[in-house]
Amino acid sequence: MYGFILQILMMSSLALMIYLVARAVPRVGDDIAGSPANRFDKLIAVIPLEKIDAAFGIFLEKFLRRTRLFLLKVDNIIGGYLNNLKRMSGNGHKNIESKPSIFTSGSEEKKENSAGE
């Protein structure tokens, strides 16, 4: 209970501080025309941010597509390598396909076992 009251007190004091700051903000005057902040704003206004954003978007799209293709190629190579290993290891060991599947019922397994004997 004391923790709850403490939390209410903390949130109320935070709300009071935000309210006081919000009331004081309109009293702050504008910057002087020759201040460094205005020069920086003018410099930023000259830079074509829309064109840079569009070019970056195109670059990012191309990069992600090429990365996706590269990963798909690597996946295909690894899959082929694993299939080769699977075929090679199947000769000396128990065949993988003879293991029961989760999709086969118990009666189907009995039929397969009795047919094999």
N, C-alpha and C. Protein backbone atom coordinates (compact mmCIF):
# COMPACT_ATOMS: atom_id res chain seq x y z
N MET A 1 0.82 -1.18 0.00
CA MET A 1 0.00 0.00 0.00
C MET A 1 0.88 1.26 0.00
N TYR A 2 1.96 1.20 0.78
CA TYR A 2 2.85 2.35 0.84
C TYR A 2 3.55 2.58 -0.51
N GLY A 3 3.85 1.49 -1.21
CA GLY A 3 4.47 1.62 -2.53
C GLY A 3 3.55 2.30 -3.51
N PHE A 4 2.27 1.99 -3.44
CA PHE A 4 1.28 2.60 -4.32
C PHE A 4 1.16 4.10 -4.05
N ILE A 5 1.12 4.47 -2.79
CA ILE A 5 1.03 5.88 -2.42
C ILE A 5 2.29 6.62 -2.87
N LEU A 6 3.44 5.97 -2.73
CA LEU A 6 4.70 6.58 -3.17
C LEU A 6 4.70 6.79 -4.68
N GLN A 7 4.18 5.81 -5.42
CA GLN A 7 4.12 5.95 -6.88
C GLN A 7 3.18 7.08 -7.29
N ILE A 8 2.04 7.20 -6.62
CA ILE A 8 1.11 8.29 -6.93
C ILE A 8 1.77 9.63 -6.64
N LEU A 9 2.47 9.74 -5.54
CA LEU A 9 3.16 10.97 -5.18
C LEU A 9 4.23 11.33 -6.21
N MET A 10 5.01 10.35 -6.66
CA MET A 10 6.06 10.61 -7.66
C MET A 10 5.46 11.04 -8.98
N MET A 11 4.40 10.38 -9.44
CA MET A 11 3.77 10.75 -10.71
C MET A 11 3.13 12.13 -10.63
N SER A 12 2.54 12.46 -9.50
CA SER A 12 1.94 13.78 -9.32
C SER A 12 3.01 14.86 -9.37
N SER A 13 4.13 14.63 -8.72
CA SER A 13 5.20 15.63 -8.74
C SER A 13 5.78 15.77 -10.15
N LEU A 14 5.90 14.66 -10.87
CA LEU A 14 6.38 14.73 -12.25
C LEU A 14 5.39 15.51 -13.12
N ALA A 15 4.11 15.27 -12.95
CA ALA A 15 3.10 16.01 -13.72
C ALA A 15 3.15 17.50 -13.39
N LEU A 16 3.38 17.85 -12.11
CA LEU A 16 3.48 19.25 -11.72
C LEU A 16 4.69 19.92 -12.37
N MET A 17 5.82 19.20 -12.42
CA MET A 17 7.01 19.77 -13.06
C MET A 17 6.79 19.98 -14.56
N ILE A 18 6.16 19.04 -15.22
CA ILE A 18 5.87 19.19 -16.65
C ILE A 18 4.93 20.36 -16.89
N TYR A 19 3.94 20.52 -16.03
CA TYR A 19 3.01 21.63 -16.15
C TYR A 19 3.72 22.97 -16.00
N LEU A 20 4.60 23.07 -15.01
CA LEU A 20 5.32 24.33 -14.80
C LEU A 20 6.25 24.65 -15.97
N VAL A 21 6.90 23.65 -16.52
CA VAL A 21 7.78 23.87 -17.67
C VAL A 21 6.95 24.28 -18.89
N ALA A 22 5.79 23.66 -19.07
CA ALA A 22 4.94 24.00 -20.21
C ALA A 22 4.42 25.43 -20.12
N ARG A 23 4.16 25.92 -18.93
CA ARG A 23 3.71 27.30 -18.76
C ARG A 23 4.84 28.28 -19.02
N ALA A 24 6.08 27.89 -18.73
CA ALA A 24 7.21 28.79 -18.90
C ALA A 24 7.73 28.82 -20.34
N VAL A 25 7.43 27.85 -21.14
CA VAL A 25 7.95 27.77 -22.51
C VAL A 25 7.51 28.95 -23.37
N PRO A 26 6.26 29.37 -23.35
CA PRO A 26 5.90 30.51 -24.21
C PRO A 26 6.62 31.81 -23.87
N ARG A 27 7.14 31.95 -22.67
CA ARG A 27 7.84 33.17 -22.27
C ARG A 27 9.23 33.25 -22.90
N VAL A 28 9.78 32.13 -23.35
CA VAL A 28 11.11 32.13 -23.94
C VAL A 28 11.01 32.82 -25.30
N GLY A 29 11.86 33.82 -25.53
CA GLY A 29 11.81 34.59 -26.77
C GLY A 29 12.49 33.87 -27.92
N ASP A 30 12.26 34.36 -29.14
CA ASP A 30 12.90 33.80 -30.32
C ASP A 30 14.37 34.16 -30.33
N ASP A 31 15.14 33.39 -31.09
CA ASP A 31 16.57 33.66 -31.20
C ASP A 31 16.82 34.91 -32.04
N ILE A 32 17.96 35.50 -31.84
CA ILE A 32 18.37 36.67 -32.62
C ILE A 32 18.67 36.22 -34.04
N ALA A 33 18.42 37.08 -35.03
CA ALA A 33 18.54 36.72 -36.44
C ALA A 33 19.94 36.27 -36.83
N GLY A 34 20.96 36.80 -36.24
CA GLY A 34 22.32 36.47 -36.64
C GLY A 34 22.95 35.38 -35.80
N SER A 35 22.19 34.68 -35.03
CA SER A 35 22.75 33.67 -34.14
C SER A 35 23.24 32.46 -34.94
N PRO A 36 24.17 31.71 -34.38
CA PRO A 36 24.68 30.53 -35.08
C PRO A 36 23.60 29.48 -35.37
N ALA A 37 22.56 29.44 -34.55
CA ALA A 37 21.49 28.47 -34.78
C ALA A 37 20.78 28.76 -36.10
N ASN A 38 20.54 30.04 -36.41
CA ASN A 38 19.88 30.37 -37.67
C ASN A 38 20.78 30.06 -38.86
N ARG A 39 22.09 30.28 -38.73
CA ARG A 39 23.00 29.93 -39.82
C ARG A 39 22.98 28.43 -40.07
N PHE A 40 22.94 27.66 -39.00
CA PHE A 40 22.89 26.20 -39.14
C PHE A 40 21.59 25.77 -39.80
N ASP A 41 20.48 26.41 -39.42
CA ASP A 41 19.19 26.10 -40.04
C ASP A 41 19.21 26.39 -41.53
N LYS A 42 19.84 27.50 -41.91
CA LYS A 42 19.93 27.84 -43.34
C LYS A 42 20.78 26.82 -44.09
N LEU A 43 21.86 26.36 -43.45
CA LEU A 43 22.72 25.36 -44.06
C LEU A 43 21.96 24.04 -44.25
N ILE A 44 21.19 23.67 -43.28
CA ILE A 44 20.40 22.43 -43.36
C ILE A 44 19.33 22.56 -44.44
N ALA A 45 18.75 23.74 -44.59
CA ALA A 45 17.70 23.95 -45.59
C ALA A 45 18.25 23.80 -47.01
N VAL A 46 19.53 24.04 -47.22
CA VAL A 46 20.13 23.94 -48.55
C VAL A 46 20.31 22.48 -48.96
N ILE A 47 20.53 21.61 -48.01
CA ILE A 47 20.78 20.19 -48.30
C ILE A 47 19.49 19.53 -48.79
N PRO A 48 19.52 18.84 -49.93
CA PRO A 48 18.31 18.19 -50.47
C PRO A 48 18.03 16.86 -49.74
N LEU A 49 17.40 16.94 -48.59
CA LEU A 49 17.17 15.75 -47.78
C LEU A 49 16.23 14.75 -48.47
N GLU A 50 15.26 15.25 -49.24
CA GLU A 50 14.33 14.34 -49.92
C GLU A 50 15.06 13.48 -50.95
N LYS A 51 15.97 14.10 -51.70
CA LYS A 51 16.73 13.34 -52.71
C LYS A 51 17.66 12.33 -52.05
N ILE A 52 18.28 12.74 -50.95
CA ILE A 52 19.17 11.83 -50.22
C ILE A 52 18.37 10.66 -49.67
N ASP A 53 17.18 10.94 -49.14
CA ASP A 53 16.33 9.88 -48.60
C ASP A 53 15.90 8.91 -49.69
N ALA A 54 15.52 9.44 -50.85
CA ALA A 54 15.10 8.58 -51.97
C ALA A 54 16.27 7.72 -52.45
N ALA A 55 17.46 8.32 -52.57
CA ALA A 55 18.63 7.56 -53.02
C ALA A 55 19.00 6.49 -52.01
N PHE A 56 18.92 6.81 -50.73
CA PHE A 56 19.23 5.83 -49.69
C PHE A 56 18.21 4.69 -49.71
N GLY A 57 16.94 5.02 -49.95
CA GLY A 57 15.90 3.99 -50.03
C GLY A 57 16.16 3.03 -51.20
N ILE A 58 16.55 3.58 -52.35
CA ILE A 58 16.86 2.74 -53.51
C ILE A 58 18.07 1.86 -53.23
N PHE A 59 19.12 2.46 -52.65
CA PHE A 59 20.31 1.69 -52.31
C PHE A 59 19.99 0.57 -51.32
N LEU A 60 19.21 0.88 -50.30
CA LEU A 60 18.87 -0.11 -49.28
C LEU A 60 18.05 -1.25 -49.89
N GLU A 61 17.11 -0.92 -50.78
CA GLU A 61 16.31 -1.95 -51.43
C GLU A 61 17.18 -2.87 -52.28
N LYS A 62 18.07 -2.30 -53.08
CA LYS A 62 18.97 -3.11 -53.90
C LYS A 62 19.88 -3.98 -53.04
N PHE A 63 20.43 -3.39 -51.99
CA PHE A 63 21.32 -4.13 -51.10
C PHE A 63 20.59 -5.31 -50.44
N LEU A 64 19.38 -5.07 -49.96
CA LEU A 64 18.63 -6.14 -49.31
C LEU A 64 18.23 -7.24 -50.29
N ARG A 65 17.88 -6.85 -51.52
CA ARG A 65 17.54 -7.86 -52.53
C ARG A 65 18.76 -8.72 -52.88
N ARG A 66 19.91 -8.07 -53.06
CA ARG A 66 21.13 -8.82 -53.39
C ARG A 66 21.56 -9.70 -52.23
N THR A 67 21.40 -9.22 -51.01
CA THR A 67 21.72 -10.02 -49.83
C THR A 67 20.80 -11.23 -49.76
N ARG A 68 19.53 -11.02 -50.06
CA ARG A 68 18.56 -12.13 -50.05
C ARG A 68 18.95 -13.17 -51.09
N LEU A 69 19.31 -12.73 -52.29
CA LEU A 69 19.71 -13.68 -53.32
C LEU A 69 20.96 -14.46 -52.91
N PHE A 70 21.92 -13.76 -52.33
CA PHE A 70 23.13 -14.42 -51.87
C PHE A 70 22.80 -15.47 -50.81
N LEU A 71 21.94 -15.13 -49.87
CA LEU A 71 21.58 -16.09 -48.83
C LEU A 71 20.81 -17.28 -49.39
N LEU A 72 19.97 -17.04 -50.39
CA LEU A 72 19.26 -18.16 -51.03
C LEU A 72 20.24 -19.09 -51.75
N LYS A 73 21.24 -18.51 -52.41
CA LYS A 73 22.25 -19.33 -53.08
C LYS A 73 23.03 -20.15 -52.07
N VAL A 74 23.42 -19.53 -50.97
CA VAL A 74 24.15 -20.26 -49.92
C VAL A 74 23.27 -21.37 -49.35
N ASP A 75 21.98 -21.09 -49.17
CA ASP A 75 21.06 -22.10 -48.66
C ASP A 75 20.95 -23.28 -49.63
N ASN A 76 20.90 -22.99 -50.92
CA ASN A 76 20.84 -24.08 -51.91
C ASN A 76 22.12 -24.91 -51.90
N ILE A 77 23.25 -24.27 -51.78
CA ILE A 77 24.53 -25.00 -51.74
C ILE A 77 24.59 -25.89 -50.51
N ILE A 78 24.20 -25.36 -49.36
CA ILE A 78 24.23 -26.15 -48.13
C ILE A 78 23.22 -27.29 -48.20
N GLY A 79 22.04 -27.03 -48.77
CA GLY A 79 21.04 -28.08 -48.92
C GLY A 79 21.54 -29.21 -49.81
N GLY A 80 22.20 -28.86 -50.91
CA GLY A 80 22.77 -29.90 -51.79
C GLY A 80 23.84 -30.69 -51.09
N TYR A 81 24.68 -30.01 -50.33
CA TYR A 81 25.73 -30.69 -49.57
C TYR A 81 25.12 -31.65 -48.54
N LEU A 82 24.08 -31.22 -47.87
CA LEU A 82 23.43 -32.08 -46.88
C LEU A 82 22.76 -33.28 -47.54
N ASN A 83 22.17 -33.07 -48.71
CA ASN A 83 21.57 -34.20 -49.43
C ASN A 83 22.63 -35.22 -49.84
N ASN A 84 23.80 -34.73 -50.27
CA ASN A 84 24.89 -35.65 -50.61
C ASN A 84 25.34 -36.43 -49.39
N LEU A 85 25.46 -35.76 -48.26
CA LEU A 85 25.83 -36.46 -47.02
C LEU A 85 24.79 -37.48 -46.62
N LYS A 86 23.54 -37.14 -46.81
CA LYS A 86 22.44 -38.04 -46.46
C LYS A 86 22.49 -39.30 -47.33
N ARG A 87 22.72 -39.11 -48.63
CA ARG A 87 22.81 -40.28 -49.53
C ARG A 87 24.01 -41.15 -49.21
N MET A 88 25.14 -40.50 -48.90
CA MET A 88 26.36 -41.26 -48.62
C MET A 88 26.24 -42.00 -47.29
N SER A 89 25.64 -41.40 -46.29
CA SER A 89 25.55 -42.05 -44.98
C SER A 89 24.44 -43.09 -44.97
N GLY A 90 23.51 -43.05 -45.91
CA GLY A 90 22.42 -44.03 -45.97
C GLY A 90 22.90 -45.41 -46.38
N ASN A 91 24.05 -45.53 -47.05
CA ASN A 91 24.55 -46.82 -47.52
C ASN A 91 25.03 -47.70 -46.37
N GLY A 92 25.73 -47.13 -45.41
CA GLY A 92 26.31 -47.91 -44.34
C GLY A 92 25.45 -48.01 -43.10
N HIS A 93 24.45 -47.19 -42.97
CA HIS A 93 23.64 -47.13 -41.76
C HIS A 93 22.20 -47.50 -42.06
N LYS A 94 21.41 -47.54 -41.01
CA LYS A 94 19.99 -47.83 -41.16
C LYS A 94 19.36 -46.73 -42.01
N ASN A 95 18.48 -47.11 -42.89
CA ASN A 95 17.85 -46.17 -43.80
C ASN A 95 16.97 -45.20 -43.02
N ILE A 96 17.05 -43.94 -43.33
CA ILE A 96 16.31 -42.90 -42.60
C ILE A 96 14.82 -43.03 -42.86
N GLU A 97 14.42 -43.48 -44.05
CA GLU A 97 13.01 -43.54 -44.39
C GLU A 97 12.28 -44.64 -43.64
N SER A 98 12.99 -45.59 -43.04
CA SER A 98 12.33 -46.67 -42.32
C SER A 98 11.89 -46.24 -40.93
N LYS A 99 12.30 -45.06 -40.49
CA LYS A 99 11.87 -44.56 -39.18
C LYS A 99 10.41 -44.16 -39.25
N PRO A 100 9.65 -44.41 -38.18
CA PRO A 100 8.24 -44.03 -38.19
C PRO A 100 8.08 -42.51 -38.19
N SER A 101 7.05 -42.08 -38.83
CA SER A 101 6.77 -40.67 -38.94
C SER A 101 5.68 -40.29 -37.95
N ILE A 102 5.57 -39.04 -37.61
CA ILE A 102 4.52 -38.62 -36.71
C ILE A 102 3.16 -38.61 -37.41
N PHE A 103 3.16 -38.72 -38.74
CA PHE A 103 1.92 -38.69 -39.50
C PHE A 103 1.37 -40.09 -39.75
N THR A 104 2.10 -41.10 -39.43
CA THR A 104 1.61 -42.47 -39.61
C THR A 104 1.02 -42.96 -38.30
N SER A 105 -0.06 -43.72 -38.41
CA SER A 105 -0.67 -44.26 -37.20
C SER A 105 0.01 -45.57 -36.84
N GLY A 106 -0.29 -46.08 -35.68
CA GLY A 106 0.34 -47.31 -35.21
C GLY A 106 -0.04 -48.51 -36.05
N SER A 107 -1.29 -48.56 -36.58
CA SER A 107 -1.72 -49.72 -37.38
C SER A 107 -0.96 -49.77 -38.70
N GLU A 108 -0.65 -48.62 -39.29
CA GLU A 108 0.10 -48.61 -40.54
C GLU A 108 1.51 -49.13 -40.32
N GLU A 109 2.11 -48.82 -39.17
CA GLU A 109 3.45 -49.30 -38.87
C GLU A 109 3.44 -50.82 -38.72
N LYS A 110 2.40 -51.36 -38.09
CA LYS A 110 2.31 -52.82 -37.92
C LYS A 110 2.17 -53.51 -39.27
N LYS A 111 1.38 -52.89 -40.18
CA LYS A 111 1.20 -53.47 -41.51
C LYS A 111 2.53 -53.48 -42.26
N GLU A 112 3.29 -52.36 -42.15
CA GLU A 112 4.57 -52.29 -42.84
C GLU A 112 5.55 -53.29 -42.28
N ASN A 113 5.55 -53.47 -40.95
CA ASN A 113 6.47 -54.43 -40.32
C ASN A 113 6.10 -55.87 -40.68
N SER A 114 4.81 -56.18 -40.71
CA SER A 114 4.41 -57.56 -41.04
C SER A 114 4.63 -57.86 -42.52
N ALA A 115 4.53 -56.84 -43.39
CA ALA A 115 4.77 -57.05 -44.81
C ALA A 115 6.26 -57.24 -45.07
N GLY A 116 7.09 -56.62 -44.30
CA GLY A 116 8.53 -56.72 -44.47
C GLY A 116 9.07 -58.05 -43.98
N GLU A 117 8.37 -58.73 -43.09
CA GLU A 117 8.86 -60.01 -42.54
C GLU A 117 8.53 -61.11 -43.44
